[in-house]
Amino acid sequence: MNHPKRLLLSNLAWSQEVAAREPEFFTDLARGQQPRILWIGCSDSRVPAERITNAQPGELFVHRNIANLYTSDDGNASSVIEYAVHALKVEHVVICGHHHCGGVRAALSPPSDALPVVNRRIAGLRDLAERHREELLAIADFDARVDCLAELNVIEQVRLLRESPIVRRAPRPPQVHGWIFGLREGLLTQLTDMDQAREIADSHADSHASIAVRDAA
């Protein structure tokens, strides 16, 4: 899948396959959307929201940006959140980061002269890293340090979004959740809402499956 033409051909094959299997699928899709979840994730090509959650078209309202960040002065993210919360009336917002995140790695590295816009974008993430400086420096392995900051970042974005006027003034404020995606094992881990996370872990254990659960920070 290394050329745009292949994407078009793959789309044609997909649409024909879906139409043959579910004749009403695209007719139903065109009637409108009623997603119950807003997904705020990283733009990283390895973390497609629908793929890693096995979600179907229409189930997730998705916004992705570098390092899954929310700032009140970001008109793009704010407009997506406002529409999701006030027009679509989503019930949940998931902020999902991931390990081995390039944006997080950049925040722990010297600014690049070639990426001035990215530098501005991750300024808040650099500030977060500075606030946790001692904790992060105590981690000798740099990759593990990046993963730690990725998790701290998710928790911080959850806090910021829960406190945002867009969410707080909603008729029915959605629940905001913080998740992290592990690229090595392909599992989502809850970093907030730990009671629910333990409940899920117990149900997976009963069926001889497993899910990683991290103690709340």
N, C-alpha and C. Protein backbone atom coordinates (compact mmCIF):
# COMPACT_ATOMS: atom_id res chain seq x y z
N MET A 1 0.85 -1.19 0.00
CA MET A 1 0.00 0.00 0.00
C MET A 1 0.88 1.24 0.00
N ASN A 2 1.74 1.34 -1.03
CA ASN A 2 2.73 2.41 -1.07
C ASN A 2 2.48 3.44 -2.16
N HIS A 3 1.26 3.45 -2.74
CA HIS A 3 0.95 4.41 -3.78
C HIS A 3 -0.54 4.77 -3.69
N PRO A 4 -0.90 6.04 -3.90
CA PRO A 4 -2.31 6.44 -3.81
C PRO A 4 -3.24 5.62 -4.71
N LYS A 5 -2.75 5.21 -5.89
CA LYS A 5 -3.59 4.42 -6.79
C LYS A 5 -4.02 3.12 -6.15
N ARG A 6 -3.14 2.52 -5.37
CA ARG A 6 -3.49 1.28 -4.69
C ARG A 6 -4.58 1.50 -3.65
N LEU A 7 -4.58 2.69 -3.02
CA LEU A 7 -5.65 3.01 -2.07
C LEU A 7 -7.00 3.05 -2.78
N LEU A 8 -7.03 3.66 -3.97
CA LEU A 8 -8.28 3.74 -4.73
C LEU A 8 -8.77 2.35 -5.15
N LEU A 9 -7.84 1.52 -5.59
CA LEU A 9 -8.21 0.17 -5.99
C LEU A 9 -8.71 -0.64 -4.79
N SER A 10 -8.06 -0.46 -3.66
CA SER A 10 -8.48 -1.18 -2.45
C SER A 10 -9.86 -0.71 -2.01
N ASN A 11 -10.12 0.60 -2.16
CA ASN A 11 -11.44 1.13 -1.81
C ASN A 11 -12.52 0.53 -2.70
N LEU A 12 -12.23 0.41 -3.98
CA LEU A 12 -13.19 -0.18 -4.91
C LEU A 12 -13.52 -1.61 -4.51
N ALA A 13 -12.49 -2.38 -4.20
CA ALA A 13 -12.71 -3.77 -3.79
C ALA A 13 -13.51 -3.84 -2.50
N TRP A 14 -13.18 -2.96 -1.58
CA TRP A 14 -13.89 -2.94 -0.28
C TRP A 14 -15.36 -2.60 -0.47
N SER A 15 -15.65 -1.55 -1.25
CA SER A 15 -17.04 -1.12 -1.44
C SER A 15 -17.87 -2.20 -2.11
N GLN A 16 -17.28 -2.88 -3.08
CA GLN A 16 -18.00 -3.95 -3.76
C GLN A 16 -18.27 -5.12 -2.83
N GLU A 17 -17.27 -5.44 -2.02
CA GLU A 17 -17.42 -6.55 -1.08
C GLU A 17 -18.50 -6.25 -0.04
N VAL A 18 -18.47 -5.03 0.52
CA VAL A 18 -19.45 -4.65 1.53
C VAL A 18 -20.85 -4.61 0.94
N ALA A 19 -20.98 -4.02 -0.25
CA ALA A 19 -22.30 -3.93 -0.88
C ALA A 19 -22.88 -5.31 -1.17
N ALA A 20 -22.03 -6.25 -1.53
CA ALA A 20 -22.51 -7.61 -1.81
C ALA A 20 -22.92 -8.32 -0.52
N ARG A 21 -22.20 -8.06 0.54
CA ARG A 21 -22.48 -8.73 1.82
C ARG A 21 -23.63 -8.07 2.56
N GLU A 22 -23.67 -6.72 2.51
CA GLU A 22 -24.71 -5.96 3.23
C GLU A 22 -25.30 -4.91 2.28
N PRO A 23 -26.30 -5.28 1.50
CA PRO A 23 -26.83 -4.38 0.47
C PRO A 23 -27.29 -3.02 0.99
N GLU A 24 -27.72 -2.93 2.24
CA GLU A 24 -28.24 -1.66 2.78
C GLU A 24 -27.18 -0.86 3.52
N PHE A 25 -25.95 -1.35 3.54
CA PHE A 25 -24.91 -0.73 4.37
C PHE A 25 -24.70 0.74 4.03
N PHE A 26 -24.46 1.05 2.76
CA PHE A 26 -24.14 2.43 2.38
C PHE A 26 -25.38 3.33 2.41
N THR A 27 -26.55 2.75 2.17
CA THR A 27 -27.79 3.52 2.30
C THR A 27 -27.98 3.95 3.74
N ASP A 28 -27.76 3.03 4.67
CA ASP A 28 -27.87 3.36 6.10
C ASP A 28 -26.81 4.36 6.51
N LEU A 29 -25.59 4.20 5.96
CA LEU A 29 -24.49 5.09 6.32
C LEU A 29 -24.80 6.53 5.89
N ALA A 30 -25.46 6.69 4.76
CA ALA A 30 -25.74 8.02 4.23
C ALA A 30 -26.84 8.74 5.00
N ARG A 31 -27.58 8.03 5.82
CA ARG A 31 -28.69 8.66 6.54
C ARG A 31 -28.22 9.57 7.67
N GLY A 32 -26.99 9.42 8.11
CA GLY A 32 -26.48 10.27 9.18
C GLY A 32 -25.65 9.47 10.16
N GLN A 33 -25.09 10.18 11.13
CA GLN A 33 -24.25 9.53 12.12
C GLN A 33 -24.77 9.80 13.53
N GLN A 34 -24.61 8.82 14.38
CA GLN A 34 -24.96 8.95 15.79
C GLN A 34 -23.91 8.26 16.66
N PRO A 35 -22.65 8.66 16.52
CA PRO A 35 -21.61 8.03 17.34
C PRO A 35 -21.79 8.38 18.81
N ARG A 36 -21.45 7.47 19.66
CA ARG A 36 -21.54 7.71 21.10
C ARG A 36 -20.19 8.05 21.70
N ILE A 37 -19.13 7.93 20.88
CA ILE A 37 -17.77 8.13 21.39
C ILE A 37 -17.00 9.08 20.50
N LEU A 38 -16.37 10.07 21.11
CA LEU A 38 -15.37 10.90 20.43
C LEU A 38 -14.00 10.35 20.77
N TRP A 39 -13.22 10.09 19.75
CA TRP A 39 -11.87 9.55 19.92
C TRP A 39 -10.87 10.64 19.58
N ILE A 40 -10.01 10.99 20.53
CA ILE A 40 -8.94 11.94 20.29
C ILE A 40 -7.63 11.16 20.37
N GLY A 41 -7.00 10.97 19.23
CA GLY A 41 -5.80 10.14 19.19
C GLY A 41 -4.65 10.84 18.50
N CYS A 42 -3.55 10.12 18.39
CA CYS A 42 -2.36 10.64 17.73
C CYS A 42 -2.46 10.38 16.23
N SER A 43 -1.84 11.25 15.44
CA SER A 43 -1.84 11.09 13.99
C SER A 43 -0.97 9.94 13.50
N ASP A 44 -0.21 9.34 14.38
CA ASP A 44 0.70 8.25 14.01
C ASP A 44 -0.03 7.21 13.16
N SER A 45 0.57 6.84 12.03
CA SER A 45 -0.06 5.91 11.10
C SER A 45 -0.23 4.50 11.66
N ARG A 46 0.45 4.21 12.77
CA ARG A 46 0.36 2.88 13.35
C ARG A 46 -0.80 2.71 14.32
N VAL A 47 -1.56 3.79 14.54
CA VAL A 47 -2.62 3.74 15.56
C VAL A 47 -3.96 4.20 14.98
N PRO A 48 -4.48 3.50 13.97
CA PRO A 48 -5.79 3.86 13.42
C PRO A 48 -6.91 3.47 14.38
N ALA A 49 -7.72 4.43 14.76
CA ALA A 49 -8.71 4.21 15.82
C ALA A 49 -9.65 3.05 15.52
N GLU A 50 -10.23 3.05 14.31
CA GLU A 50 -11.22 2.01 14.00
C GLU A 50 -10.57 0.63 13.94
N ARG A 51 -9.35 0.58 13.45
CA ARG A 51 -8.69 -0.73 13.29
C ARG A 51 -8.37 -1.35 14.65
N ILE A 52 -7.81 -0.58 15.56
CA ILE A 52 -7.36 -1.16 16.83
C ILE A 52 -8.52 -1.43 17.79
N THR A 53 -9.68 -0.84 17.53
CA THR A 53 -10.86 -1.10 18.37
C THR A 53 -11.89 -1.97 17.67
N ASN A 54 -11.60 -2.34 16.43
CA ASN A 54 -12.53 -3.13 15.63
C ASN A 54 -13.89 -2.44 15.51
N ALA A 55 -13.87 -1.11 15.43
CA ALA A 55 -15.10 -0.33 15.32
C ALA A 55 -15.55 -0.26 13.86
N GLN A 56 -16.86 -0.11 13.67
CA GLN A 56 -17.44 -0.01 12.34
C GLN A 56 -17.64 1.46 11.97
N PRO A 57 -17.77 1.77 10.67
CA PRO A 57 -18.08 3.14 10.28
C PRO A 57 -19.33 3.65 10.99
N GLY A 58 -19.23 4.87 11.52
CA GLY A 58 -20.36 5.45 12.24
C GLY A 58 -20.29 5.29 13.75
N GLU A 59 -19.36 4.48 14.25
CA GLU A 59 -19.29 4.24 15.69
C GLU A 59 -18.39 5.24 16.42
N LEU A 60 -17.38 5.77 15.75
CA LEU A 60 -16.44 6.69 16.38
C LEU A 60 -16.42 8.02 15.64
N PHE A 61 -16.43 9.12 16.38
CA PHE A 61 -16.17 10.44 15.82
C PHE A 61 -14.72 10.73 16.16
N VAL A 62 -13.86 10.92 15.15
CA VAL A 62 -12.42 10.85 15.38
C VAL A 62 -11.72 12.17 15.10
N HIS A 63 -10.84 12.54 16.02
CA HIS A 63 -9.91 13.65 15.81
C HIS A 63 -8.52 13.16 16.17
N ARG A 64 -7.55 13.38 15.25
CA ARG A 64 -6.18 12.94 15.51
C ARG A 64 -5.23 14.10 15.26
N ASN A 65 -4.23 14.23 16.10
CA ASN A 65 -3.21 15.25 15.92
C ASN A 65 -1.89 14.76 16.52
N ILE A 66 -0.85 15.53 16.33
CA ILE A 66 0.45 15.15 16.87
C ILE A 66 0.38 15.01 18.40
N ALA A 67 0.66 13.82 18.89
CA ALA A 67 0.74 13.53 20.33
C ALA A 67 -0.57 13.69 21.07
N ASN A 68 -1.71 13.53 20.35
CA ASN A 68 -3.04 13.53 20.97
C ASN A 68 -3.20 14.63 22.03
N LEU A 69 -2.99 15.87 21.59
CA LEU A 69 -3.00 17.01 22.50
C LEU A 69 -4.32 17.79 22.42
N TYR A 70 -4.72 18.34 23.55
CA TYR A 70 -5.84 19.28 23.58
C TYR A 70 -5.36 20.58 24.22
N THR A 71 -5.56 21.68 23.52
CA THR A 71 -5.30 23.00 24.10
C THR A 71 -6.48 23.89 23.74
N SER A 72 -6.84 24.77 24.65
CA SER A 72 -8.02 25.60 24.45
C SER A 72 -7.87 26.56 23.27
N ASP A 73 -6.62 26.87 22.87
CA ASP A 73 -6.41 27.78 21.75
C ASP A 73 -6.27 27.07 20.40
N ASP A 74 -6.50 25.78 20.39
CA ASP A 74 -6.47 25.00 19.16
C ASP A 74 -7.88 24.97 18.58
N GLY A 75 -8.13 25.83 17.59
CA GLY A 75 -9.47 25.91 17.02
C GLY A 75 -9.93 24.63 16.34
N ASN A 76 -9.00 23.88 15.77
CA ASN A 76 -9.34 22.64 15.11
C ASN A 76 -9.88 21.63 16.12
N ALA A 77 -9.08 21.33 17.14
CA ALA A 77 -9.51 20.37 18.15
C ALA A 77 -10.76 20.84 18.87
N SER A 78 -10.80 22.13 19.21
CA SER A 78 -11.93 22.67 19.97
C SER A 78 -13.23 22.58 19.18
N SER A 79 -13.16 22.83 17.86
CA SER A 79 -14.38 22.75 17.05
C SER A 79 -14.88 21.31 16.96
N VAL A 80 -13.95 20.35 16.86
CA VAL A 80 -14.34 18.94 16.82
C VAL A 80 -15.02 18.55 18.13
N ILE A 81 -14.41 18.94 19.24
CA ILE A 81 -14.96 18.60 20.55
C ILE A 81 -16.32 19.26 20.77
N GLU A 82 -16.42 20.54 20.40
CA GLU A 82 -17.68 21.25 20.56
C GLU A 82 -18.80 20.58 19.75
N TYR A 83 -18.50 20.23 18.51
CA TYR A 83 -19.51 19.57 17.67
C TYR A 83 -19.90 18.21 18.25
N ALA A 84 -18.90 17.46 18.70
CA ALA A 84 -19.17 16.13 19.24
C ALA A 84 -20.01 16.21 20.51
N VAL A 85 -19.70 17.17 21.37
CA VAL A 85 -20.36 17.26 22.67
C VAL A 85 -21.73 17.91 22.57
N HIS A 86 -21.85 18.98 21.77
CA HIS A 86 -23.08 19.76 21.75
C HIS A 86 -24.02 19.40 20.61
N ALA A 87 -23.50 18.94 19.47
CA ALA A 87 -24.37 18.57 18.35
C ALA A 87 -24.64 17.06 18.32
N LEU A 88 -23.57 16.28 18.37
CA LEU A 88 -23.74 14.82 18.35
C LEU A 88 -24.11 14.26 19.72
N LYS A 89 -23.80 15.04 20.77
CA LYS A 89 -24.10 14.63 22.15
C LYS A 89 -23.49 13.27 22.48
N VAL A 90 -22.19 13.16 22.19
CA VAL A 90 -21.49 11.92 22.53
C VAL A 90 -21.51 11.71 24.05
N GLU A 91 -21.47 10.47 24.45
CA GLU A 91 -21.53 10.13 25.87
C GLU A 91 -20.14 9.93 26.47
N HIS A 92 -19.17 9.67 25.60
CA HIS A 92 -17.82 9.41 26.07
C HIS A 92 -16.79 10.07 25.16
N VAL A 93 -15.70 10.52 25.77
CA VAL A 93 -14.54 10.99 25.01
C VAL A 93 -13.35 10.14 25.44
N VAL A 94 -12.69 9.54 24.48
CA VAL A 94 -11.49 8.75 24.75
C VAL A 94 -10.28 9.52 24.23
N ILE A 95 -9.35 9.84 25.11
CA ILE A 95 -8.07 10.39 24.69
C ILE A 95 -7.07 9.23 24.70
N CYS A 96 -6.58 8.90 23.53
CA CYS A 96 -5.72 7.71 23.41
C CYS A 96 -4.34 8.08 22.91
N GLY A 97 -3.34 7.86 23.74
CA GLY A 97 -1.95 8.00 23.33
C GLY A 97 -1.38 6.64 22.99
N HIS A 98 -0.09 6.60 22.71
CA HIS A 98 0.52 5.31 22.41
C HIS A 98 2.00 5.35 22.77
N HIS A 99 2.53 4.20 23.06
CA HIS A 99 3.96 4.07 23.33
C HIS A 99 4.75 4.29 22.04
N HIS A 100 6.02 4.65 22.18
CA HIS A 100 6.91 4.93 21.04
C HIS A 100 6.39 6.10 20.20
N CYS A 101 5.80 7.09 20.85
CA CYS A 101 5.20 8.23 20.16
C CYS A 101 6.29 9.21 19.72
N GLY A 102 6.31 9.54 18.43
CA GLY A 102 7.33 10.46 17.91
C GLY A 102 7.19 11.86 18.47
N GLY A 103 5.96 12.33 18.67
CA GLY A 103 5.76 13.65 19.24
C GLY A 103 6.26 13.75 20.66
N VAL A 104 6.04 12.69 21.42
CA VAL A 104 6.53 12.65 22.81
C VAL A 104 8.05 12.57 22.81
N ARG A 105 8.60 11.77 21.93
CA ARG A 105 10.06 11.66 21.82
C ARG A 105 10.67 13.02 21.49
N ALA A 106 10.02 13.76 20.60
CA ALA A 106 10.52 15.09 20.23
C ALA A 106 10.50 16.03 21.41
N ALA A 107 9.51 15.89 22.28
CA ALA A 107 9.41 16.76 23.46
C ALA A 107 10.52 16.51 24.46
N LEU A 108 11.14 15.34 24.38
CA LEU A 108 12.26 15.00 25.27
C LEU A 108 13.61 15.22 24.58
N SER A 109 13.57 15.77 23.39
CA SER A 109 14.79 16.00 22.60
C SER A 109 14.92 17.49 22.29
N PRO A 110 16.10 17.94 21.89
CA PRO A 110 16.26 19.35 21.53
C PRO A 110 15.34 19.72 20.37
N PRO A 111 14.79 20.93 20.35
CA PRO A 111 13.91 21.36 19.25
C PRO A 111 14.63 21.28 17.91
N SER A 112 13.88 20.89 16.89
CA SER A 112 14.45 20.78 15.54
C SER A 112 14.19 22.06 14.77
N ASP A 113 15.24 22.63 14.18
CA ASP A 113 15.08 23.84 13.37
C ASP A 113 14.21 23.58 12.14
N ALA A 114 14.13 22.33 11.72
CA ALA A 114 13.36 21.98 10.52
C ALA A 114 11.87 21.84 10.81
N LEU A 115 11.50 21.85 12.10
CA LEU A 115 10.10 21.60 12.47
C LEU A 115 9.57 22.70 13.40
N PRO A 116 9.56 23.94 12.95
CA PRO A 116 9.13 25.03 13.83
C PRO A 116 7.67 24.93 14.26
N VAL A 117 6.79 24.48 13.36
CA VAL A 117 5.37 24.36 13.71
C VAL A 117 5.16 23.24 14.72
N VAL A 118 5.85 22.13 14.51
CA VAL A 118 5.77 21.03 15.47
C VAL A 118 6.30 21.48 16.83
N ASN A 119 7.39 22.24 16.83
CA ASN A 119 7.95 22.74 18.09
C ASN A 119 6.90 23.54 18.87
N ARG A 120 6.17 24.39 18.16
CA ARG A 120 5.12 25.18 18.83
C ARG A 120 4.01 24.27 19.32
N ARG A 121 3.69 23.29 18.52
CA ARG A 121 2.60 22.39 18.86
C ARG A 121 2.86 21.62 20.15
N ILE A 122 4.09 21.18 20.35
CA ILE A 122 4.40 20.34 21.51
C ILE A 122 5.00 21.13 22.66
N ALA A 123 4.87 22.46 22.63
CA ALA A 123 5.43 23.28 23.72
C ALA A 123 4.85 22.88 25.07
N GLY A 124 3.55 22.64 25.12
CA GLY A 124 2.93 22.23 26.38
C GLY A 124 3.42 20.88 26.85
N LEU A 125 3.73 20.02 25.91
CA LEU A 125 4.26 18.70 26.25
C LEU A 125 5.67 18.82 26.82
N ARG A 126 6.46 19.76 26.30
CA ARG A 126 7.78 20.02 26.88
C ARG A 126 7.64 20.53 28.30
N ASP A 127 6.65 21.40 28.52
CA ASP A 127 6.41 21.91 29.88
C ASP A 127 6.02 20.78 30.82
N LEU A 128 5.20 19.85 30.34
CA LEU A 128 4.80 18.70 31.15
C LEU A 128 6.02 17.86 31.51
N ALA A 129 6.90 17.65 30.54
CA ALA A 129 8.12 16.89 30.79
C ALA A 129 8.99 17.57 31.84
N GLU A 130 9.04 18.90 31.81
CA GLU A 130 9.83 19.64 32.78
C GLU A 130 9.23 19.50 34.18
N ARG A 131 7.91 19.49 34.27
CA ARG A 131 7.26 19.34 35.58
C ARG A 131 7.52 17.96 36.18
N HIS A 132 7.75 16.98 35.32
CA HIS A 132 8.02 15.61 35.78
C HIS A 132 9.49 15.25 35.57
N ARG A 133 10.33 16.24 35.54
CA ARG A 133 11.73 16.06 35.19
C ARG A 133 12.41 14.97 36.03
N GLU A 134 12.28 15.05 37.34
CA GLU A 134 12.98 14.10 38.22
C GLU A 134 12.47 12.68 37.99
N GLU A 135 11.16 12.54 37.89
CA GLU A 135 10.58 11.22 37.66
C GLU A 135 11.07 10.63 36.35
N LEU A 136 11.14 11.43 35.31
CA LEU A 136 11.54 10.94 34.00
C LEU A 136 13.03 10.62 33.94
N LEU A 137 13.86 11.48 34.55
CA LEU A 137 15.30 11.24 34.55
C LEU A 137 15.69 10.01 35.35
N ALA A 138 14.80 9.60 36.27
CA ALA A 138 15.08 8.40 37.06
C ALA A 138 14.95 7.13 36.21
N ILE A 139 14.37 7.26 35.02
CA ILE A 139 14.22 6.12 34.11
C ILE A 139 15.42 6.12 33.16
N ALA A 140 16.30 5.15 33.32
CA ALA A 140 17.55 5.14 32.56
C ALA A 140 17.33 4.92 31.07
N ASP A 141 16.45 4.00 30.71
CA ASP A 141 16.22 3.68 29.31
C ASP A 141 15.39 4.78 28.65
N PHE A 142 15.89 5.36 27.57
CA PHE A 142 15.21 6.50 26.96
C PHE A 142 13.85 6.11 26.37
N ASP A 143 13.78 4.94 25.76
CA ASP A 143 12.50 4.50 25.20
C ASP A 143 11.44 4.36 26.30
N ALA A 144 11.85 3.82 27.44
CA ALA A 144 10.92 3.68 28.57
C ALA A 144 10.52 5.06 29.10
N ARG A 145 11.45 6.00 29.04
CA ARG A 145 11.16 7.38 29.46
C ARG A 145 10.11 8.01 28.54
N VAL A 146 10.25 7.76 27.25
CA VAL A 146 9.28 8.25 26.27
C VAL A 146 7.89 7.67 26.57
N ASP A 147 7.85 6.37 26.84
CA ASP A 147 6.56 5.73 27.12
C ASP A 147 5.93 6.27 28.39
N CYS A 148 6.75 6.55 29.40
CA CYS A 148 6.24 7.12 30.65
C CYS A 148 5.63 8.50 30.39
N LEU A 149 6.33 9.33 29.62
CA LEU A 149 5.80 10.66 29.33
C LEU A 149 4.53 10.56 28.47
N ALA A 150 4.46 9.58 27.59
CA ALA A 150 3.25 9.39 26.78
C ALA A 150 2.05 9.12 27.68
N GLU A 151 2.25 8.34 28.74
CA GLU A 151 1.17 8.04 29.67
C GLU A 151 0.82 9.26 30.52
N LEU A 152 1.84 9.97 30.99
CA LEU A 152 1.60 11.19 31.74
C LEU A 152 0.86 12.22 30.89
N ASN A 153 1.17 12.25 29.62
CA ASN A 153 0.52 13.18 28.71
C ASN A 153 -0.97 12.87 28.56
N VAL A 154 -1.31 11.60 28.43
CA VAL A 154 -2.71 11.22 28.33
C VAL A 154 -3.48 11.68 29.56
N ILE A 155 -2.92 11.41 30.73
CA ILE A 155 -3.58 11.79 31.98
C ILE A 155 -3.75 13.30 32.06
N GLU A 156 -2.74 14.04 31.60
CA GLU A 156 -2.82 15.50 31.62
C GLU A 156 -3.89 16.00 30.64
N GLN A 157 -3.98 15.40 29.46
CA GLN A 157 -4.99 15.83 28.49
C GLN A 157 -6.41 15.53 29.00
N VAL A 158 -6.57 14.42 29.69
CA VAL A 158 -7.87 14.11 30.30
C VAL A 158 -8.24 15.19 31.30
N ARG A 159 -7.29 15.58 32.13
CA ARG A 159 -7.55 16.64 33.12
C ARG A 159 -7.94 17.94 32.43
N LEU A 160 -7.20 18.33 31.41
CA LEU A 160 -7.48 19.58 30.72
C LEU A 160 -8.85 19.56 30.05
N LEU A 161 -9.19 18.44 29.44
CA LEU A 161 -10.47 18.38 28.75
C LEU A 161 -11.64 18.34 29.72
N ARG A 162 -11.48 17.63 30.83
CA ARG A 162 -12.55 17.60 31.84
C ARG A 162 -12.82 19.00 32.40
N GLU A 163 -11.77 19.82 32.46
CA GLU A 163 -11.91 21.16 33.02
C GLU A 163 -12.26 22.21 31.96
N SER A 164 -12.34 21.83 30.71
CA SER A 164 -12.57 22.79 29.64
C SER A 164 -14.01 23.29 29.65
N PRO A 165 -14.23 24.56 29.30
CA PRO A 165 -15.59 25.10 29.23
C PRO A 165 -16.48 24.34 28.25
N ILE A 166 -15.91 23.85 27.16
CA ILE A 166 -16.71 23.12 26.17
C ILE A 166 -17.39 21.92 26.80
N VAL A 167 -16.65 21.18 27.60
CA VAL A 167 -17.20 19.99 28.25
C VAL A 167 -18.06 20.37 29.44
N ARG A 168 -17.61 21.32 30.22
CA ARG A 168 -18.31 21.65 31.46
C ARG A 168 -19.68 22.29 31.21
N ARG A 169 -19.83 23.02 30.09
CA ARG A 169 -21.11 23.68 29.84
C ARG A 169 -22.07 22.82 29.01
N ALA A 170 -21.66 21.63 28.68
CA ALA A 170 -22.51 20.74 27.89
C ALA A 170 -23.75 20.35 28.69
N PRO A 171 -24.91 20.21 28.03
CA PRO A 171 -26.13 19.78 28.74
C PRO A 171 -25.94 18.45 29.46
N ARG A 172 -25.20 17.55 28.80
CA ARG A 172 -24.84 16.27 29.42
C ARG A 172 -23.35 16.07 29.23
N PRO A 173 -22.53 16.56 30.15
CA PRO A 173 -21.08 16.43 29.97
C PRO A 173 -20.68 14.96 29.79
N PRO A 174 -19.89 14.67 28.78
CA PRO A 174 -19.48 13.28 28.55
C PRO A 174 -18.44 12.83 29.57
N GLN A 175 -18.32 11.54 29.74
CA GLN A 175 -17.23 10.98 30.53
C GLN A 175 -15.97 11.02 29.68
N VAL A 176 -14.87 11.44 30.29
CA VAL A 176 -13.60 11.54 29.57
C VAL A 176 -12.65 10.46 30.09
N HIS A 177 -12.15 9.65 29.20
CA HIS A 177 -11.30 8.51 29.55
C HIS A 177 -9.91 8.67 28.96
N GLY A 178 -8.91 8.13 29.63
CA GLY A 178 -7.54 8.16 29.14
C GLY A 178 -7.02 6.76 28.90
N TRP A 179 -6.61 6.48 27.67
CA TRP A 179 -6.10 5.16 27.30
C TRP A 179 -4.72 5.30 26.66
N ILE A 180 -3.96 4.22 26.71
CA ILE A 180 -2.67 4.15 26.02
C ILE A 180 -2.64 2.87 25.19
N PHE A 181 -2.06 2.95 23.99
CA PHE A 181 -1.98 1.79 23.11
C PHE A 181 -0.54 1.29 23.08
N GLY A 182 -0.37 0.01 23.37
CA GLY A 182 0.95 -0.60 23.33
C GLY A 182 1.22 -1.21 21.96
N LEU A 183 2.18 -0.67 21.24
CA LEU A 183 2.46 -1.15 19.89
C LEU A 183 3.00 -2.58 19.89
N ARG A 184 3.73 -2.95 20.93
CA ARG A 184 4.35 -4.28 20.95
C ARG A 184 3.33 -5.39 21.09
N GLU A 185 2.27 -5.14 21.90
CA GLU A 185 1.30 -6.19 22.15
C GLU A 185 -0.07 -5.91 21.55
N GLY A 186 -0.28 -4.69 21.05
CA GLY A 186 -1.56 -4.36 20.42
C GLY A 186 -2.71 -4.19 21.38
N LEU A 187 -2.41 -3.91 22.64
CA LEU A 187 -3.47 -3.78 23.65
C LEU A 187 -3.65 -2.34 24.09
N LEU A 188 -4.91 -1.99 24.36
CA LEU A 188 -5.25 -0.71 24.96
C LEU A 188 -5.29 -0.87 26.47
N THR A 189 -4.69 0.07 27.17
CA THR A 189 -4.67 0.06 28.63
C THR A 189 -5.33 1.32 29.14
N GLN A 190 -6.20 1.19 30.12
CA GLN A 190 -6.84 2.34 30.72
C GLN A 190 -5.90 2.97 31.75
N LEU A 191 -5.70 4.25 31.64
CA LEU A 191 -4.89 4.99 32.61
C LEU A 191 -5.74 5.75 33.60
N THR A 192 -7.02 5.88 33.30
CA THR A 192 -7.98 6.48 34.21
C THR A 192 -9.14 5.50 34.35
N ASP A 193 -10.10 5.81 35.24
CA ASP A 193 -11.27 4.94 35.42
C ASP A 193 -10.85 3.52 35.81
N MET A 194 -10.07 3.42 36.85
CA MET A 194 -9.42 2.15 37.15
C MET A 194 -10.38 1.06 37.62
N ASP A 195 -11.50 1.43 38.25
CA ASP A 195 -12.46 0.41 38.64
C ASP A 195 -12.98 -0.33 37.42
N GLN A 196 -13.28 0.42 36.38
CA GLN A 196 -13.76 -0.19 35.14
C GLN A 196 -12.65 -1.03 34.51
N ALA A 197 -11.42 -0.56 34.58
CA ALA A 197 -10.30 -1.29 33.99
C ALA A 197 -10.13 -2.65 34.68
N ARG A 198 -10.24 -2.68 35.99
CA ARG A 198 -10.10 -3.94 36.73
C ARG A 198 -11.24 -4.90 36.39
N GLU A 199 -12.43 -4.34 36.20
CA GLU A 199 -13.58 -5.17 35.83
C GLU A 199 -13.35 -5.83 34.48
N ILE A 200 -12.81 -5.07 33.52
CA ILE A 200 -12.50 -5.62 32.21
C ILE A 200 -11.41 -6.69 32.33
N ALA A 201 -10.39 -6.41 33.13
CA ALA A 201 -9.30 -7.36 33.30
C ALA A 201 -9.81 -8.67 33.88
N ASP A 202 -10.72 -8.59 34.85
CA ASP A 202 -11.29 -9.80 35.45
C ASP A 202 -12.07 -10.61 34.42
N SER A 203 -12.83 -9.92 33.57
CA SER A 203 -13.62 -10.63 32.56
C SER A 203 -12.71 -11.30 31.54
N HIS A 204 -11.59 -10.67 31.22
CA HIS A 204 -10.65 -11.28 30.28
C HIS A 204 -9.96 -12.48 30.93
N ALA A 205 -9.67 -12.36 32.21
CA ALA A 205 -9.02 -13.48 32.89
C ALA A 205 -9.93 -14.70 32.92
N ASP A 206 -11.22 -14.46 33.08
CA ASP A 206 -12.18 -15.57 33.12
C ASP A 206 -12.21 -16.34 31.81
N SER A 207 -11.91 -15.66 30.71
CA SER A 207 -11.92 -16.32 29.40
C SER A 207 -10.51 -16.65 28.91
N HIS A 208 -9.54 -16.63 29.87
CA HIS A 208 -8.14 -16.96 29.58
C HIS A 208 -7.50 -15.98 28.61
N ALA A 209 -8.03 -14.74 28.59
CA ALA A 209 -7.39 -13.70 27.81
C ALA A 209 -6.66 -12.80 28.79
N SER A 210 -6.04 -11.73 28.29
CA SER A 210 -5.32 -10.83 29.19
C SER A 210 -5.43 -9.41 28.70
N ILE A 211 -5.38 -8.51 29.66
CA ILE A 211 -5.33 -7.08 29.31
C ILE A 211 -4.44 -6.39 30.34
N ALA A 212 -3.63 -5.48 29.92
CA ALA A 212 -2.74 -4.79 30.83
C ALA A 212 -3.52 -3.73 31.58
N VAL A 213 -3.34 -3.69 32.89
CA VAL A 213 -3.99 -2.67 33.71
C VAL A 213 -2.94 -2.00 34.56
N ARG A 214 -2.84 -0.70 34.46
CA ARG A 214 -1.85 0.07 35.17
C ARG A 214 -2.50 0.78 36.35
N ASP A 215 -1.80 0.80 37.48
CA ASP A 215 -2.34 1.54 38.62
C ASP A 215 -2.45 3.00 38.28
N ALA A 216 -3.48 3.64 38.79
CA ALA A 216 -3.70 5.06 38.50
C ALA A 216 -2.54 5.89 39.03
N ALA A 217 -2.16 6.89 38.25
CA ALA A 217 -1.06 7.76 38.66
C ALA A 217 -1.53 8.70 39.74
